[in-house]
Protein backbone atom coordinates (compact mmCIF):
# COMPACT_ATOMS: atom_id res chain seq x y z
CA MET A 1 -20.65 -60.02 12.68
CA LYS A 2 -18.04 -57.71 11.45
CA LYS A 3 -21.06 -56.54 8.53
CA SER A 4 -23.31 -55.87 11.52
CA PHE A 5 -21.02 -53.70 13.69
CA ALA A 6 -20.12 -51.78 10.59
CA LEU A 7 -24.04 -50.55 9.61
CA ILE A 8 -24.17 -49.41 13.59
CA ILE A 9 -21.49 -47.44 13.66
CA PHE A 10 -22.35 -46.19 9.26
CA SER A 11 -26.13 -45.89 11.59
CA THR A 12 -24.92 -43.45 14.54
CA GLN A 13 -23.27 -41.21 12.45
CA ILE A 14 -25.96 -40.56 9.94
CA ILE A 15 -28.06 -40.36 13.24
CA PHE A 16 -25.15 -37.60 14.55
CA ALA A 17 -24.92 -36.09 11.33
CA GLN A 18 -28.89 -35.11 11.63
CA ASN A 19 -29.27 -34.13 14.85
CA ILE A 20 -25.92 -31.28 14.07
CA ALA A 21 -28.06 -30.59 11.30
CA GLN A 22 -31.21 -30.23 13.34
CA LYS A 23 -30.16 -28.32 15.90
CA LEU A 24 -28.24 -26.07 13.15
CA ASP A 25 -31.29 -25.45 11.11
CA ASP A 26 -33.17 -24.46 14.24
CA ALA A 27 -29.89 -21.75 15.68
CA THR A 28 -30.59 -20.62 11.39
CA LYS A 29 -34.14 -20.30 11.66
CA ASN A 30 -33.98 -18.55 14.73
CA LEU A 31 -32.14 -16.18 13.15
CA MET A 32 -33.66 -15.70 9.84
CA ASN A 33 -37.09 -14.90 11.48
CA SER A 34 -35.86 -12.86 14.08
CA SER A 35 -37.09 -9.02 13.64
CA LEU A 36 -33.16 -7.89 13.15
CA ALA A 37 -33.85 -10.52 10.27
CA VAL A 38 -36.39 -9.09 8.44
CA SER A 39 -34.60 -8.47 4.75
CA SER A 40 -31.51 -9.94 5.54
CA ASN A 41 -29.28 -12.60 3.18
CA LEU A 42 -28.04 -15.20 4.54
CA SER A 43 -25.77 -18.28 2.53
CA PHE A 44 -24.73 -21.06 5.42
CA TYR A 45 -22.63 -24.19 4.33
CA VAL A 46 -21.12 -26.90 6.40
CA SER A 47 -18.65 -30.12 5.78
CA ASP A 48 -17.02 -32.64 7.44
CA GLU A 49 -12.71 -32.51 6.26
CA ASN A 50 -13.97 -34.51 3.63
CA GLY A 51 -16.30 -32.51 1.82
CA ASN A 52 -19.46 -34.71 2.99
CA LEU A 53 -22.36 -32.16 3.69
CA ILE A 54 -23.14 -31.71 7.11
CA TYR A 55 -25.90 -28.85 7.07
CA GLU A 56 -26.44 -25.91 4.23
CA PHE A 57 -28.74 -22.96 4.20
CA GLN A 58 -28.73 -21.33 0.98
CA GLY A 59 -25.58 -21.98 0.49
CA ASN A 60 -25.45 -22.09 -3.60
CA LYS A 61 -26.13 -17.65 -2.85
CA GLY A 62 -23.56 -15.30 -3.52
CA LEU A 63 -22.86 -12.48 -0.81
CA SER A 64 -21.04 -9.90 -0.51
CA THR A 65 -18.05 -11.30 2.13
CA ALA A 66 -16.33 -8.51 3.30
CA SER A 67 -12.51 -9.86 4.30
CA THR A 68 -13.34 -13.75 4.02
CA GLN A 69 -12.42 -13.04 0.60
CA LYS A 70 -8.54 -13.36 1.65
CA ILE A 71 -9.03 -17.20 2.57
CA PHE A 72 -8.84 -17.41 -1.43
CA THR A 73 -6.44 -14.80 -2.42
CA ALA A 74 -3.94 -16.11 0.85
CA ALA A 75 -4.73 -19.74 -0.68
CA ALA A 76 -3.70 -19.55 -4.57
CA ALA A 77 -0.87 -17.20 -4.08
CA LEU A 78 1.15 -20.00 -1.38
CA GLU A 79 0.41 -22.21 -4.13
CA THR A 80 1.24 -20.08 -7.15
CA LEU A 81 4.37 -18.62 -5.73
CA SER A 82 5.25 -20.45 -2.36
CA LYS A 83 5.34 -20.67 0.43
CA ASN A 84 9.50 -19.31 -0.03
CA TYR A 85 8.65 -16.40 -1.83
CA THR A 86 10.04 -12.69 -1.03
CA TYR A 87 9.94 -9.55 -2.94
CA LYS A 88 13.38 -7.16 -3.28
CA THR A 89 13.86 -3.97 -3.43
CA THR A 90 17.35 -3.04 -4.51
CA SER A 91 19.23 0.44 -5.01
CA SER A 92 22.01 0.62 -7.77
CA TYR A 93 23.58 3.68 -9.70
CA SER A 94 24.26 5.48 -13.12
CA GLY A 95 27.28 6.90 -14.10
CA THR A 96 30.60 6.42 -12.29
CA ILE A 97 32.12 6.89 -9.40
CA SER A 98 35.14 8.90 -9.18
CA ASN A 99 36.71 10.08 -6.06
CA GLY A 100 33.79 8.86 -3.82
CA ASN A 101 31.82 11.32 -6.16
CA LEU A 102 29.21 9.51 -7.90
CA ASN A 103 28.29 11.04 -10.95
CA GLY A 104 25.07 9.46 -11.86
CA ASN A 105 21.94 9.05 -9.75
CA LEU A 106 21.20 6.99 -7.21
CA PHE A 107 17.94 4.77 -7.84
CA ILE A 108 15.64 2.70 -5.40
CA ALA A 109 13.00 -0.11 -7.15
CA SER A 110 10.75 -2.62 -5.75
CA ASN A 111 8.99 -5.61 -7.47
CA GLY A 112 5.87 -4.19 -5.06
CA ASP A 113 7.46 -5.59 -1.86
CA PRO A 114 4.62 -5.01 0.91
CA THR A 115 6.47 -5.32 3.26
CA LEU A 116 8.69 -2.44 3.34
CA GLY A 117 9.54 -0.47 6.42
CA SER A 118 6.43 -2.66 7.95
CA TRP A 119 6.64 -2.70 11.90
CA ARG A 120 5.81 -6.27 12.03
CA TYR A 121 8.69 -8.07 10.82
CA GLU A 122 11.40 -8.32 12.97
CA GLY A 123 14.62 -8.04 11.23
CA TYR A 124 12.47 -5.81 8.55
CA LYS A 125 11.58 -2.48 10.18
CA PRO A 126 12.04 1.04 8.83
CA GLU A 127 15.72 0.83 10.25
CA ASN A 128 17.09 -2.12 9.43
CA PHE A 129 16.32 -0.71 5.71
CA LYS A 130 17.69 2.20 6.70
CA GLN A 131 21.47 0.60 8.04
CA LYS A 132 21.42 -2.10 5.12
CA LEU A 133 21.12 0.62 2.56
CA ILE A 134 23.51 3.25 4.15
CA GLU A 135 26.33 0.40 4.60
CA ALA A 136 25.77 -0.76 0.59
CA VAL A 137 25.87 3.43 -0.50
CA LYS A 138 29.34 3.22 1.86
CA LYS A 139 30.63 -0.01 0.35
CA SER A 140 30.70 1.52 -2.91
CA GLY A 141 32.27 4.60 -1.83
CA ILE A 142 30.00 7.04 -2.54
CA THR A 143 30.34 9.42 -0.22
CA LYS A 144 28.82 12.31 -2.44
CA ILE A 145 25.94 12.69 -4.87
CA SER A 146 26.35 14.97 -7.99
CA GLY A 147 22.75 13.53 -9.20
CA ASP A 148 19.40 12.85 -7.86
CA LEU A 149 18.17 9.71 -5.88
CA VAL A 150 15.50 8.16 -7.83
CA ILE A 151 12.17 5.81 -6.81
CA ASP A 152 11.00 3.83 -9.62
CA ASP A 153 8.39 3.30 -8.49
CA SER A 154 7.20 1.52 -12.72
CA TYR A 155 7.17 -2.27 -11.67
CA PHE A 156 2.95 -2.57 -11.57
CA ASP A 157 1.06 -0.35 -13.28
CA HIS A 158 -0.68 2.64 -12.63
CA GLN A 159 -3.78 1.75 -11.05
CA THR A 160 -3.05 1.66 -6.79
CA ILE A 161 -6.89 1.11 -5.19
CA PRO A 162 -9.16 -1.50 -7.05
CA GLY A 163 -12.48 -0.28 -8.52
CA GLY A 164 -15.32 -0.64 -6.57
CA TRP A 165 -13.34 0.50 -3.26
CA PRO A 166 -15.66 3.12 -1.37
CA TRP A 167 -14.58 6.26 -1.12
CA ASP A 168 -15.22 6.63 2.88
CA ASP A 169 -12.35 4.23 2.98
CA LEU A 170 -9.85 5.37 0.47
CA GLY A 171 -7.99 8.14 3.44
CA ASN A 172 -8.19 5.65 6.16
CA TYR A 173 -5.36 3.22 7.22
CA TYR A 174 -7.06 -0.38 5.41
CA GLY A 175 -7.48 1.53 2.53
CA ALA A 176 -4.56 2.12 1.21
CA GLY A 177 -3.23 1.54 -1.93
CA VAL A 178 -0.63 -0.69 -3.48
CA TRP A 179 2.21 0.96 -5.50
CA GLY A 180 5.66 -0.47 -6.78
CA VAL A 181 7.32 1.09 -4.31
CA ASN A 182 5.70 0.51 -0.73
CA TRP A 183 6.50 1.87 2.38
CA ARG A 184 6.01 1.37 6.48
CA GLU A 185 2.85 -0.65 4.50
CA ASN A 186 1.85 2.84 3.41
CA GLN A 187 -0.15 4.03 6.27
CA PHE A 188 0.44 6.59 9.01
CA ASP A 189 -0.87 7.79 12.31
CA ILE A 190 -1.63 10.88 13.72
CA ASN A 191 -2.83 11.98 17.40
CA ILE A 192 -5.78 14.52 17.75
CA ASN A 193 -6.38 16.21 20.87
CA GLY A 194 -10.53 16.45 20.20
CA ASN A 195 -10.07 18.45 16.85
CA ASP A 196 -6.61 19.86 17.36
CA PHE A 197 -3.49 18.11 15.66
CA LYS A 198 -0.66 16.73 18.52
CA SER A 199 1.69 14.99 16.44
CA PHE A 200 2.50 12.77 13.19
CA SER A 201 4.08 9.36 13.28
CA TYR A 202 6.86 10.44 10.95
CA PRO A 203 6.20 13.61 8.52
CA LEU A 204 4.36 13.64 5.44
CA GLU A 205 5.90 15.42 2.41
CA ASN A 206 3.25 17.86 0.29
CA VAL A 207 0.52 16.89 2.24
CA LYS A 208 -1.47 20.02 3.22
CA TRP A 209 -4.85 19.21 5.84
CA LEU A 210 -8.78 20.19 5.96
CA ASN A 211 -9.84 19.68 9.55
CA ASP A 212 -13.23 19.49 10.02
CA LEU A 213 -13.22 17.60 13.11
CA LYS A 214 -15.70 18.14 15.83
CA ALA A 215 -15.24 17.20 19.67
CA ALA A 216 -18.02 15.50 20.71
CA GLY A 217 -18.84 11.80 21.34
CA SER A 218 -16.95 8.89 23.30
CA SER A 219 -15.32 6.96 20.98
CA ASP A 220 -13.73 7.16 17.10
CA GLN A 221 -16.03 8.47 14.25
CA SER A 222 -14.10 10.20 12.24
CA LEU A 223 -12.81 9.42 8.84
CA ILE A 224 -9.68 10.84 7.29
CA PHE A 225 -10.49 11.41 2.58
CA THR A 226 -7.70 11.46 0.44
CA ALA A 227 -6.69 9.99 -3.13
CA PRO A 228 -3.59 8.36 -4.94
CA TYR A 229 -0.87 11.28 -5.41
CA SER A 230 -3.08 14.41 -4.03
CA ASP A 231 -1.65 16.77 -2.46
CA VAL A 232 -4.61 17.38 0.37
CA ALA A 233 -5.95 15.21 2.94
CA LEU A 234 -9.33 15.85 4.40
CA ILE A 235 -10.26 14.68 7.80
CA ASN A 236 -13.91 15.47 9.30
CA GLY A 237 -16.05 13.08 11.83
CA SER A 238 -15.79 13.82 16.05
CA LEU A 239 -13.45 12.79 18.17
CA PRO A 240 -13.52 12.65 22.14
CA ALA A 241 -12.54 16.02 24.03
CA GLY A 242 -10.10 15.97 26.66
CA LYS A 243 -7.97 12.55 25.78
CA VAL A 244 -5.57 12.05 22.36
CA SER A 245 -6.70 9.61 19.95
CA THR A 246 -4.69 7.60 17.28
CA VAL A 247 -6.09 8.00 13.60
CA SER A 248 -4.56 6.23 11.13
CA GLY A 249 -5.00 6.94 7.51
CA SER A 250 -3.36 6.15 4.34
CA VAL A 251 -0.45 7.77 2.52
CA PRO A 252 -0.62 9.72 -0.77
CA ASN A 253 2.15 8.59 -2.36
CA PRO A 254 4.81 6.00 -1.03
CA PRO A 255 7.71 5.95 -3.36
CA LEU A 256 8.08 9.73 -2.99
CA GLN A 257 7.46 9.36 1.43
CA LEU A 258 10.34 6.54 0.64
CA GLY A 259 12.63 9.21 -1.43
CA VAL A 260 12.12 11.78 1.27
CA GLU A 261 13.33 9.76 4.29
CA VAL A 262 16.28 8.08 2.35
CA GLN A 263 17.43 11.81 1.56
CA LYS A 264 17.05 12.29 5.00
CA TRP A 265 19.21 9.32 5.85
CA LEU A 266 22.08 10.50 3.45
CA LYS A 267 22.84 13.62 5.35
CA GLU A 268 23.00 12.53 8.67
CA SER A 269 25.37 9.88 7.45
CA GLY A 270 27.29 12.27 6.07
CA ILE A 271 26.88 11.21 3.02
CA ASP A 272 27.11 15.02 0.39
CA PHE A 273 23.42 15.17 -1.55
CA SER A 274 22.33 17.91 -2.82
CA GLY A 275 20.19 16.97 -5.82
CA LYS A 276 16.18 16.18 -6.02
CA VAL A 277 14.29 13.60 -4.90
CA VAL A 278 12.00 11.73 -7.79
CA THR A 279 9.82 9.42 -8.98
CA ASN A 280 9.22 7.62 -11.92
CA SER A 281 4.96 7.97 -11.28
CA GLN A 282 5.88 11.72 -10.74
CA LEU A 283 8.12 12.08 -13.71
CA GLU A 284 5.15 10.46 -15.97
CA ILE A 285 2.35 12.81 -14.16
CA GLU A 286 4.59 15.98 -15.48
CA GLY A 287 4.88 15.17 -19.13
CA LYS A 288 8.55 13.56 -18.74
CA LYS A 289 10.57 11.05 -19.28
CA THR A 290 10.84 8.06 -16.84
CA LEU A 291 14.60 7.26 -15.60
CA GLU A 292 14.89 3.12 -15.97
CA THR A 293 17.23 1.60 -13.37
CA PRO A 294 20.96 -0.05 -13.87
CA LYS A 295 20.80 -3.06 -14.45
CA ASN A 296 24.96 -3.05 -13.02
CA ASN A 297 26.27 -0.74 -10.53
CA MET A 298 23.34 -3.16 -8.02
CA ILE A 299 24.65 -2.24 -4.85
CA LEU A 300 21.92 -3.93 -2.84
CA THR A 301 19.28 -6.13 -3.20
CA TYR A 302 17.29 -6.46 -0.12
CA GLU A 303 14.44 -9.88 0.28
CA SER A 304 11.48 -9.28 2.47
CA PRO A 305 9.89 -12.29 4.85
CA THR A 306 9.30 -14.83 2.61
CA LEU A 307 5.67 -15.40 1.50
CA ASP A 308 3.67 -17.30 4.62
CA LYS A 309 4.77 -14.79 6.99
CA ILE A 310 3.12 -12.68 4.64
CA VAL A 311 0.45 -14.64 4.93
CA TYR A 312 0.71 -15.22 8.54
CA TRP A 313 0.14 -11.65 8.99
CA PHE A 314 -2.60 -11.04 5.96
CA LEU A 315 -5.31 -13.25 7.30
CA ARG A 316 -4.45 -12.42 11.50
CA LYS A 317 -4.92 -8.91 11.11
CA SER A 318 -6.79 -8.80 8.12
CA VAL A 319 -4.33 -6.39 6.15
CA ASN A 320 -6.31 -5.36 2.83
CA LEU A 321 -2.64 -4.05 1.27
CA TYR A 322 -1.10 -7.07 1.34
CA GLY A 323 -4.48 -9.01 -0.84
CA GLU A 324 -4.00 -6.32 -3.25
CA ASN A 325 -0.69 -6.79 -3.89
CA LEU A 326 -0.80 -10.71 -3.73
CA ILE A 327 -3.37 -9.74 -6.49
CA LYS A 328 -1.13 -7.43 -8.86
CA THR A 329 1.95 -10.26 -7.96
CA LEU A 330 -0.42 -12.61 -9.49
CA GLY A 331 -1.51 -11.13 -12.03
CA LYS A 332 2.33 -9.45 -13.17
CA GLU A 333 3.90 -13.21 -12.39
CA LYS A 334 1.14 -15.62 -14.33
CA LYS A 335 -0.59 -13.31 -16.46
CA GLY A 336 2.84 -10.03 -17.88
CA ASN A 337 0.14 -7.68 -16.71
CA PRO A 338 0.05 -5.93 -12.81
CA SER A 339 -3.75 -4.72 -13.32
CA PHE A 340 -6.43 -5.69 -10.04
CA LYS A 341 -8.31 -6.61 -13.29
CA SER A 342 -5.36 -9.56 -15.09
CA GLY A 343 -5.25 -10.81 -10.81
CA ILE A 344 -8.38 -10.83 -10.27
CA SER A 345 -9.08 -13.17 -13.80
CA TYR A 346 -6.03 -15.39 -12.74
CA LEU A 347 -7.64 -15.63 -8.93
CA LYS A 348 -10.68 -16.52 -10.80
CA GLU A 349 -9.95 -18.89 -13.17
CA PHE A 350 -7.48 -20.90 -10.24
CA TRP A 351 -10.32 -21.32 -8.32
CA LYS A 352 -12.03 -22.85 -11.61
CA SER A 353 -9.55 -24.96 -12.05
CA LYS A 354 -10.05 -26.31 -8.52
CA GLY A 355 -13.77 -27.65 -9.19
CA ILE A 356 -15.32 -24.94 -7.98
CA ASN A 357 -18.70 -23.36 -9.52
CA SER A 358 -17.31 -20.16 -11.98
CA ASN A 359 -20.84 -18.92 -10.90
CA MET A 360 -20.20 -18.25 -7.37
CA ILE A 361 -17.07 -16.46 -6.98
CA ASN A 362 -17.51 -13.24 -8.38
CA PHE A 363 -14.24 -11.09 -7.09
CA ALA A 364 -13.68 -8.29 -7.01
CA ASP A 365 -10.52 -7.09 -5.58
CA GLY A 366 -8.49 -9.34 -3.17
CA SER A 367 -8.75 -8.37 0.44
CA GLY A 368 -12.78 -8.20 0.30
CA LEU A 369 -13.16 -4.26 1.07
CA SER A 370 -15.58 -3.99 -2.02
CA PRO A 371 -18.99 -4.58 -1.67
CA GLN A 372 -18.90 -5.90 -5.22
CA ASN A 373 -17.93 -9.38 -4.20
CA TYR A 374 -19.83 -11.71 -4.50
CA VAL A 375 -19.31 -15.50 -3.36
CA SER A 376 -21.22 -18.34 -1.67
CA ALA A 377 -20.58 -20.19 1.44
CA LYS A 378 -20.30 -23.09 -0.42
CA ALA A 379 -17.09 -21.75 -2.44
CA GLN A 380 -15.86 -20.99 0.43
CA VAL A 381 -15.93 -24.42 1.64
CA GLN A 382 -14.61 -25.94 -1.00
CA ALA A 383 -11.55 -23.57 -0.96
CA LEU A 384 -10.89 -24.26 2.85
CA ILE A 385 -11.28 -28.43 2.02
CA TYR A 386 -8.64 -27.78 -1.32
CA ALA A 387 -6.39 -25.72 1.33
CA LYS A 388 -6.58 -28.01 4.43
CA LYS A 389 -5.08 -30.90 1.71
CA GLN A 390 -2.38 -28.90 0.32
CA THR A 391 1.61 -29.29 1.71
CA TRP A 392 1.29 -25.92 2.41
CA PHE A 393 -1.49 -25.52 4.71
CA GLU A 394 -0.19 -25.54 8.30
CA SER A 395 1.17 -21.64 6.56
CA TYR A 396 -2.18 -21.15 5.77
CA TYR A 397 -4.27 -22.27 8.72
CA ASP A 398 -1.61 -20.87 11.32
CA GLY A 399 -3.07 -17.46 10.33
CA PHE A 400 -6.57 -18.01 10.51
CA PRO A 401 -7.39 -16.05 14.27
CA THR A 402 -9.46 -17.01 17.43
CA GLN A 403 -12.43 -15.84 17.29
CA ASP A 404 -14.17 -14.43 20.59
CA ASN A 405 -16.47 -17.93 20.96
CA ARG A 406 -12.63 -19.69 20.85
CA MET A 407 -13.76 -20.44 17.30
CA LYS A 408 -11.11 -20.14 14.65
CA MET A 409 -11.75 -18.67 11.44
CA LYS A 410 -11.49 -15.70 9.03
CA SER A 411 -13.97 -12.89 9.93
CA GLY A 412 -15.31 -10.80 8.11
CA THR A 413 -16.63 -7.30 8.73
CA MET A 414 -17.88 -4.07 6.54
CA ARG A 415 -20.84 -1.86 6.99
CA ASP A 416 -24.35 -4.49 6.36
CA THR A 417 -21.68 -7.38 6.03
CA LYS A 418 -20.78 -10.15 8.47
CA SER A 419 -19.26 -13.58 7.94
CA TYR A 420 -16.37 -16.31 9.01
CA ALA A 421 -15.01 -19.25 7.18
CA GLY A 422 -13.04 -21.56 8.80
CA TYR A 423 -11.72 -24.90 10.65
CA HIS A 424 -13.33 -26.76 14.16
CA THR A 425 -12.35 -30.14 16.25
CA SER A 426 -15.10 -30.31 18.56
CA LYS A 427 -15.19 -31.79 22.26
CA ASP A 428 -15.57 -35.50 20.37
CA GLY A 429 -13.41 -35.06 17.84
CA LYS A 430 -15.55 -34.55 14.29
CA LYS A 431 -13.95 -31.87 12.49
CA TYR A 432 -16.18 -29.10 10.56
CA VAL A 433 -15.28 -27.05 7.72
CA TYR A 434 -18.08 -24.08 7.38
CA SER A 435 -18.56 -20.83 6.03
CA ILE A 436 -21.32 -18.00 7.26
CA ILE A 437 -22.61 -15.41 5.28
CA ILE A 438 -25.03 -12.92 6.53
CA ASN A 439 -25.37 -9.74 4.14
CA ASN A 440 -28.06 -6.26 5.51
CA TYR A 441 -28.60 -7.78 9.17
CA SER A 442 -30.30 -4.36 11.07
CA GLY A 443 -27.54 -5.44 14.18
CA SER A 444 -24.10 -6.21 14.35
CA GLY A 445 -23.98 -10.08 13.06
CA SER A 446 -21.59 -10.90 15.13
CA THR A 447 -23.26 -12.49 18.12
CA GLU A 448 -25.52 -14.24 16.54
CA LEU A 449 -23.52 -15.48 13.61
CA GLN A 450 -21.59 -17.46 16.59
CA LYS A 451 -24.43 -18.41 18.82
CA ILE A 452 -24.73 -20.64 15.02
CA LEU A 453 -21.85 -21.71 15.02
CA ASN A 454 -21.61 -22.13 18.19
CA VAL A 455 -23.38 -25.33 17.76
CA LEU A 456 -20.55 -27.07 16.39
CA LYS A 457 -18.62 -26.72 19.34
């Protein structure tokens, strides 16, 4: 009797899985047979929470992922670095202090904290760092600085942008690069009325503007073009006339930007400073010798939020800067080399060691902004299932946004690319893990892909 009962349950499960698979297949083929999908490529993979296949449509096919690439980077970082990992920014000085006068330089250095001066974390905003730095300077007895303010941005290598990022993206906030010292997420905002600049969120240091904006249309169609260390920025495209629009760009030299702000803080706080603001990267550009941060005479160690909180915002708001920063950190920590190439190599090795076929993961960056990322839906599902079994999973899962169809999943959007990857528990308690990626679709792809995933509800 028990055997018969177990057989009935097993048979019911098979029939249910077949029904879901058939519905998914019908919905998928309806999409692929539509006039908008004539030249499209689709990779779709659905399993239960144990990894048993439920439905597959070209699941092994590698496609450009957009931001669902972040699921690989976030999981590898949580496991490799631990969810309690923190970045550190320090301040120290060279020379000696005599009667309040620092006969030497004041240094600020970091190991690449991407949250330094971010507005996202309570207690870690620009004013919090300012307060702790000025308190540390005063506590050390410094009332006058006779030397320079040195921003030591040498922790990472000089390449701040991954190879393969489109030029159209680099000057915009989502295309911000990664420095050894980052500040305010390397982002600034401009308030613009039509084509007339009204105000900046803060003054940009050493940046001159070429303004080719047109006042036209009803939406933001503007683009900012600039490059790391550049002193020229171009903005073109169009913005609506008659109202103020806020456009966000990427700072071309964040270490210098921080240094200029600290210089202002010192003077506002009554600390006499008449020296220069210098960064080690700028010294190298000018062919000069860099200045090494003193290991002694440390006056401040400022820690970032823990990695689980960074990963939350990385996934929830798709902050590309965080992904590339994590890639450099993984390269530095695991291979002793902070280059993008080293970090991406480690990321691929990590997932290969977890059983993912290396032919299904061709990473080009840590965030998905590069169109040169090619990953299969099956590989994404395998990564999600691996993460689900780990002690840090709650921190990971918490970052996944709830989309318009009320399913909790990471999305990816790029020109001609739309993707979703995540977890879902249906009304009848079935647990699914899935990934769906479409390239070269004529529409946005969002509504169409969500219709397919709604079958799992």
